[in-house]
Amino acid sequence: MNDPTAVISAPPPRYLLESDSSDEEGQGEYAASSSRRGARSKSSPEVRINWEGAEAQKGLKEVVIGVGQSGRYLRRRSGGKGSEKAAVVLTLGGEEVGRGWVMKGTLLMVLEEAEGDEAWRIVEKVTAEVKAERWTVVSAYVPSMYIPDPERDSRSSSQPPVRHFAASPSSSKSAGIASWDSPNYLTGLPGAFVSTAAHPASALDSASLSTILLPLPLSGIDSTSLSSAFDSAAPALANLLTAKQKSSEARWDEADDEPFSAPGMGGGRRSGGRGGAAGLGKEEVSSMYM
């Protein structure tokens, strides 16, 4: 606080000039500002899930959530066509942010990348309305930004590995897939799913959730690594990927890779979509390792 006894022309206290705390600078939120926070939450855009027929919600054994480019990649590799009618559409404030298709008891959902409150609201809605025995969240990471564990990661391989993050020790993991270790962390939708599963009141059981991180560029992933990554996490999808790997409709070439599509690298729904801006904005630099 400013000194009430100081004259008006007196300079501000030294700590106000040198402090790097936003609260000290009067920019943070205090207890008295709770009413403002409540006003913002009431105006937050509504998340809705629209199902095409009640049968789409029944008998789901697996749910695979593909985030951003990873979701479009899985959709292509599973042989899906863009013209095929979606079984579920997810909207945020009237804007479409995701679509899902049911394939042999597996729901494959492609969600646009989201951060902060939007990510939490989307995850809350999806986990409340979608019921399945097994969940897999798939995203991407930039190999050059990953901090390896010297005791686990071998530098002899020229191909960056597919990585796996287990929400609980009992979560399934495919053999031969590298682990996702600290100090690397998850943000955005993958982080929101993992945090939601860890909450005791969540409808999503952490033991049923696995997170798979695909190395960029996606065109460099061989079919064997991709299929083995899903062998335990989502076996039905693994079988579908194996069956479609030789199909011309399932090919993903270098020309299909999308630049700046990983969290922390720009792009995304708010930054211009596929390819987005050609540089890093200050919002994009907030997360460097997923």
Protein backbone atom coordinates (compact mmCIF):
# COMPACT_ATOMS: atom_id res chain seq x y z
CA MET A 1 0.00 0.00 0.00
CA ASN A 2 1.06 3.58 -0.51
CA ASP A 3 2.03 5.57 2.55
CA PRO A 4 -1.08 7.61 3.54
CA THR A 5 1.12 10.21 5.25
CA ALA A 6 3.21 10.91 2.15
CA VAL A 7 2.62 14.00 0.09
CA ILE A 8 0.95 13.60 -3.30
CA SER A 9 4.13 14.55 -5.15
CA ALA A 10 6.19 11.85 -3.38
CA PRO A 11 7.49 9.00 -5.57
CA PRO A 12 5.98 5.51 -5.07
CA PRO A 13 7.60 3.15 -2.57
CA ARG A 14 10.70 1.37 -3.84
CA TYR A 15 9.16 -2.11 -3.66
CA LEU A 16 6.40 -1.04 -6.04
CA LEU A 17 9.01 -0.07 -8.61
CA GLU A 18 11.18 -3.19 -8.30
CA SER A 19 8.70 -5.94 -7.48
CA ASP A 20 8.02 -8.58 -10.15
CA SER A 21 4.78 -9.65 -8.45
CA SER A 22 1.60 -8.72 -10.28
CA ASP A 23 -0.29 -8.69 -6.96
CA GLU A 24 2.15 -6.16 -5.50
CA GLU A 25 1.64 -3.98 -8.54
CA GLY A 26 -2.09 -3.92 -7.94
CA GLN A 27 -2.82 -6.10 -10.95
CA GLY A 28 -3.70 -9.31 -9.13
CA GLU A 29 -7.07 -10.47 -7.80
CA TYR A 30 -7.81 -10.17 -4.11
CA ALA A 31 -10.67 -11.42 -1.95
CA ALA A 32 -12.69 -8.31 -2.70
CA SER A 33 -12.58 -9.10 -6.41
CA SER A 34 -14.43 -12.42 -6.08
CA SER A 35 -17.58 -10.78 -7.40
CA ARG A 36 -15.74 -9.89 -10.59
CA ARG A 37 -14.55 -13.48 -11.00
CA GLY A 38 -18.13 -14.66 -10.56
CA ALA A 39 -19.32 -12.25 -13.22
CA ARG A 40 -16.75 -13.60 -15.67
CA SER A 41 -17.62 -17.22 -15.01
CA LYS A 42 -21.29 -16.55 -15.68
CA SER A 43 -20.45 -15.13 -19.09
CA SER A 44 -18.18 -18.03 -20.09
CA PRO A 45 -19.27 -19.68 -23.34
CA GLU A 46 -21.34 -22.83 -22.95
CA VAL A 47 -19.98 -26.20 -24.02
CA ARG A 48 -22.50 -28.49 -25.75
CA ILE A 49 -22.35 -32.04 -27.08
CA ASN A 50 -24.80 -32.95 -29.83
CA TRP A 51 -25.22 -36.67 -30.56
CA GLU A 52 -26.50 -37.93 -33.91
CA GLY A 53 -28.85 -40.60 -32.61
CA ALA A 54 -29.03 -42.22 -29.20
CA GLU A 55 -27.35 -45.40 -30.45
CA ALA A 56 -24.05 -43.50 -30.84
CA GLN A 57 -23.74 -43.24 -27.04
CA LYS A 58 -24.34 -46.91 -26.34
CA GLY A 59 -21.83 -49.74 -26.11
CA LEU A 60 -18.69 -47.62 -26.22
CA LYS A 61 -15.67 -49.60 -25.05
CA GLU A 62 -12.97 -47.10 -25.93
CA VAL A 63 -12.71 -43.35 -26.34
CA VAL A 64 -9.71 -41.91 -28.15
CA ILE A 65 -9.28 -38.13 -27.89
CA GLY A 66 -7.00 -36.73 -30.57
CA VAL A 67 -5.91 -33.15 -29.88
CA GLY A 68 -5.26 -30.79 -32.78
CA GLN A 69 -3.03 -32.15 -35.53
CA SER A 70 -2.73 -35.50 -33.72
CA GLY A 71 -6.48 -35.98 -33.94
CA ARG A 72 -6.56 -35.20 -37.66
CA TYR A 73 -3.62 -37.56 -38.12
CA LEU A 74 -5.41 -40.45 -36.38
CA ARG A 75 -8.57 -39.72 -38.33
CA ARG A 76 -6.63 -39.96 -41.59
CA ARG A 77 -4.63 -43.04 -40.57
CA SER A 78 -7.81 -44.86 -39.56
CA GLY A 79 -9.09 -44.44 -43.11
CA GLY A 80 -11.76 -41.90 -42.25
CA LYS A 81 -13.14 -39.58 -44.92
CA GLY A 82 -13.92 -35.95 -44.30
CA SER A 83 -17.39 -36.36 -45.80
CA GLU A 84 -18.40 -39.10 -43.36
CA LYS A 85 -21.12 -37.98 -40.96
CA ALA A 86 -19.97 -37.42 -37.40
CA ALA A 87 -21.65 -39.22 -34.51
CA VAL A 88 -21.04 -36.34 -32.10
CA VAL A 89 -20.28 -32.63 -32.45
CA LEU A 90 -18.82 -30.51 -29.66
CA THR A 91 -19.38 -26.75 -29.60
CA LEU A 92 -18.06 -23.96 -27.39
CA GLY A 93 -20.17 -20.82 -27.41
CA GLY A 94 -21.76 -21.95 -30.67
CA GLU A 95 -18.38 -22.53 -32.36
CA GLU A 96 -17.48 -26.07 -33.33
CA VAL A 97 -14.38 -27.27 -31.47
CA GLY A 98 -14.58 -31.02 -32.00
CA ARG A 99 -16.12 -33.97 -33.85
CA GLY A 100 -16.34 -37.66 -33.08
CA TRP A 101 -16.89 -40.83 -35.09
CA VAL A 102 -17.85 -44.28 -33.79
CA MET A 103 -15.88 -47.13 -35.36
CA LYS A 104 -16.48 -50.68 -34.12
CA GLY A 105 -17.26 -49.63 -30.56
CA THR A 106 -14.49 -47.01 -30.43
CA LEU A 107 -15.29 -43.29 -30.35
CA LEU A 108 -12.55 -41.25 -32.02
CA MET A 109 -12.91 -37.58 -31.13
CA VAL A 110 -10.86 -34.84 -32.77
CA LEU A 111 -10.71 -31.75 -30.53
CA GLU A 112 -9.13 -28.43 -31.36
CA GLU A 113 -6.39 -27.34 -28.98
CA ALA A 114 -7.55 -25.31 -26.00
CA GLU A 115 -5.91 -23.73 -22.97
CA GLY A 116 -6.96 -22.42 -19.58
CA ASP A 117 -10.65 -22.23 -18.70
CA GLU A 118 -11.74 -23.41 -22.15
CA ALA A 119 -9.78 -26.65 -21.76
CA TRP A 120 -11.29 -27.35 -18.34
CA ARG A 121 -14.83 -26.68 -19.53
CA ILE A 122 -14.42 -28.96 -22.54
CA VAL A 123 -12.95 -31.81 -20.47
CA GLU A 124 -15.65 -31.44 -17.82
CA LYS A 125 -18.39 -31.74 -20.44
CA VAL A 126 -16.81 -34.65 -22.32
CA THR A 127 -16.11 -36.75 -19.22
CA ALA A 128 -19.60 -36.10 -17.85
CA GLU A 129 -21.48 -37.18 -20.98
CA VAL A 130 -19.25 -39.77 -22.64
CA LYS A 131 -19.13 -43.15 -20.90
CA ALA A 132 -16.57 -45.80 -21.78
CA GLU A 133 -14.34 -48.38 -20.14
CA ARG A 134 -11.07 -47.10 -21.58
CA TRP A 135 -9.80 -43.60 -22.43
CA THR A 136 -6.77 -42.56 -24.47
CA VAL A 137 -5.69 -38.96 -25.05
CA VAL A 138 -3.32 -38.41 -27.97
CA SER A 139 -1.32 -35.23 -28.52
CA ALA A 140 2.05 -34.27 -30.02
CA TYR A 141 5.38 -33.01 -28.75
CA VAL A 142 8.46 -31.36 -30.24
CA PRO A 143 11.40 -33.77 -29.79
CA SER A 144 13.97 -30.98 -29.70
CA MET A 145 12.16 -29.41 -26.74
CA TYR A 146 11.84 -32.61 -24.73
CA ILE A 147 14.19 -32.91 -21.74
CA PRO A 148 15.30 -36.57 -21.70
CA ASP A 149 16.01 -38.70 -18.68
CA PRO A 150 19.67 -39.76 -19.04
CA GLU A 151 18.97 -43.03 -17.22
CA ARG A 152 16.03 -44.05 -19.43
CA ASP A 153 16.37 -42.39 -22.81
CA SER A 154 18.86 -43.74 -25.29
CA ARG A 155 20.40 -41.30 -27.74
CA SER A 156 21.43 -44.08 -30.11
CA SER A 157 18.07 -44.03 -31.92
CA SER A 158 17.69 -41.47 -34.69
CA GLN A 159 13.89 -41.73 -34.60
CA PRO A 160 12.19 -39.79 -31.75
CA PRO A 161 10.01 -42.24 -29.82
CA VAL A 162 6.28 -42.26 -29.22
CA ARG A 163 5.89 -41.45 -25.52
CA HIS A 164 3.38 -42.55 -22.92
CA PHE A 165 2.19 -40.80 -19.76
CA ALA A 166 0.29 -42.94 -17.25
CA ALA A 167 -2.29 -41.20 -15.09
CA SER A 168 -1.84 -43.93 -12.46
CA PRO A 169 0.66 -46.78 -11.87
CA SER A 170 -1.99 -49.28 -12.94
CA SER A 171 -2.56 -47.65 -16.34
CA SER A 172 -1.69 -49.85 -19.30
CA LYS A 173 1.41 -49.20 -21.38
CA SER A 174 2.62 -50.81 -24.58
CA ALA A 175 6.04 -52.43 -24.58
CA GLY A 176 8.74 -50.48 -26.39
CA ILE A 177 7.09 -47.08 -25.90
CA ALA A 178 9.18 -44.48 -24.07
CA SER A 179 7.80 -42.82 -20.94
CA TRP A 180 6.97 -39.13 -20.52
CA ASP A 181 9.05 -38.02 -17.53
CA SER A 182 9.49 -34.86 -15.50
CA PRO A 183 10.52 -32.07 -15.72
CA ASN A 184 8.46 -32.26 -18.91
CA TYR A 185 4.81 -31.64 -18.18
CA LEU A 186 1.38 -31.57 -19.79
CA THR A 187 -0.77 -28.51 -20.42
CA GLY A 188 -3.93 -27.74 -22.37
CA LEU A 189 -6.42 -30.52 -22.99
CA PRO A 190 -4.02 -33.42 -22.16
CA GLY A 191 -3.16 -31.82 -18.83
CA ALA A 192 -6.83 -31.13 -18.08
CA PHE A 193 -7.79 -34.76 -18.76
CA VAL A 194 -5.02 -36.10 -16.52
CA SER A 195 -5.85 -33.66 -13.69
CA THR A 196 -9.55 -34.45 -13.96
CA ALA A 197 -8.88 -38.19 -13.77
CA ALA A 198 -6.78 -37.67 -10.64
CA HIS A 199 -9.62 -35.92 -8.80
CA PRO A 200 -11.47 -38.33 -6.46
CA ALA A 201 -14.87 -36.90 -7.42
CA SER A 202 -14.30 -37.25 -11.17
CA ALA A 203 -16.39 -39.60 -13.28
CA LEU A 204 -13.18 -40.50 -15.14
CA ASP A 205 -11.07 -43.18 -13.44
CA SER A 206 -7.34 -42.48 -13.63
CA ALA A 207 -6.64 -46.20 -14.08
CA SER A 208 -8.63 -46.17 -17.33
CA LEU A 209 -6.81 -43.15 -18.81
CA SER A 210 -3.61 -43.24 -20.88
CA THR A 211 -1.91 -40.33 -22.63
CA ILE A 212 0.17 -40.87 -25.76
CA LEU A 213 2.47 -38.17 -27.18
CA LEU A 214 3.44 -38.45 -30.84
CA PRO A 215 6.73 -36.89 -32.02
CA LEU A 216 6.58 -34.13 -34.62
CA PRO A 217 6.66 -34.23 -37.57
CA LEU A 218 3.96 -36.85 -37.75
CA SER A 219 5.01 -37.93 -41.23
CA GLY A 220 8.15 -39.41 -39.69
CA ILE A 221 6.29 -41.96 -37.52
CA ASP A 222 6.44 -45.47 -38.90
CA SER A 223 3.33 -47.65 -38.86
CA THR A 224 4.87 -50.22 -36.50
CA SER A 225 5.55 -47.62 -33.79
CA LEU A 226 2.07 -46.18 -34.18
CA SER A 227 0.30 -49.52 -33.89
CA SER A 228 2.39 -50.69 -30.93
CA ALA A 229 1.65 -47.43 -29.11
CA PHE A 230 -2.05 -48.32 -29.09
CA ASP A 231 -1.75 -52.08 -28.53
CA SER A 232 -2.54 -51.78 -24.81
CA ALA A 233 -4.03 -48.29 -24.58
CA ALA A 234 -6.63 -48.65 -27.35
CA PRO A 235 -6.46 -52.13 -28.96
CA ALA A 236 -9.52 -51.62 -31.18
CA LEU A 237 -7.99 -48.50 -32.71
CA ALA A 238 -4.64 -50.31 -33.07
CA ASN A 239 -6.36 -53.03 -35.10
CA LEU A 240 -8.05 -50.41 -37.28
CA LEU A 241 -4.76 -48.57 -37.89
CA THR A 242 -3.07 -51.84 -38.84
CA ALA A 243 -5.85 -52.77 -41.25
CA LYS A 244 -5.79 -49.37 -42.97
CA GLN A 245 -2.03 -48.71 -43.04
CA LYS A 246 -1.69 -49.68 -46.74
CA SER A 247 -4.73 -47.73 -47.87
CA SER A 248 -4.06 -44.64 -49.97
CA GLU A 249 -6.76 -42.79 -48.00
CA ALA A 250 -4.82 -43.41 -44.78
CA ARG A 251 -1.50 -41.95 -45.93
CA TRP A 252 0.01 -38.97 -44.11
CA ASP A 253 2.91 -37.44 -46.03
CA GLU A 254 5.29 -34.61 -45.32
CA ALA A 255 2.97 -32.25 -47.19
CA ASP A 256 0.25 -33.01 -44.61
CA ASP A 257 2.37 -31.93 -41.62
CA GLU A 258 1.04 -28.78 -40.01
CA PRO A 259 3.59 -26.21 -38.74
CA PHE A 260 3.26 -24.60 -35.32
CA SER A 261 0.64 -27.10 -34.20
CA ALA A 262 2.09 -28.22 -30.86
CA PRO A 263 1.23 -26.42 -27.59
CA GLY A 264 3.72 -23.64 -27.08
CA MET A 265 4.49 -23.41 -30.80
CA GLY A 266 1.59 -21.22 -31.97
CA GLY A 267 -1.21 -22.07 -34.38
CA GLY A 268 -4.38 -23.70 -33.09
CA ARG A 269 -7.98 -22.59 -33.24
CA ARG A 270 -7.34 -19.13 -31.75
CA SER A 271 -4.17 -18.43 -33.75
CA GLY A 272 -5.15 -19.13 -37.31
CA GLY A 273 -5.80 -22.86 -37.44
CA ARG A 274 -3.74 -25.06 -39.73
CA GLY A 275 -0.35 -23.40 -39.95
CA GLY A 276 -1.63 -20.25 -38.27
CA ALA A 277 0.81 -17.42 -37.79
CA ALA A 278 4.40 -17.73 -38.89
CA GLY A 279 5.82 -16.61 -35.56
CA LEU A 280 5.51 -16.97 -31.82
CA GLY A 281 3.10 -14.69 -30.00
CA LYS A 282 3.37 -14.02 -26.29
CA GLU A 283 0.44 -16.39 -25.62
CA GLU A 284 2.30 -19.21 -27.41
CA VAL A 285 5.48 -18.95 -25.36
CA SER A 286 3.75 -19.78 -22.06
CA SER A 287 4.29 -23.53 -22.43
CA MET A 288 7.46 -24.99 -23.82
CA TYR A 289 7.23 -28.70 -22.99
CA MET A 290 3.56 -29.59 -23.51
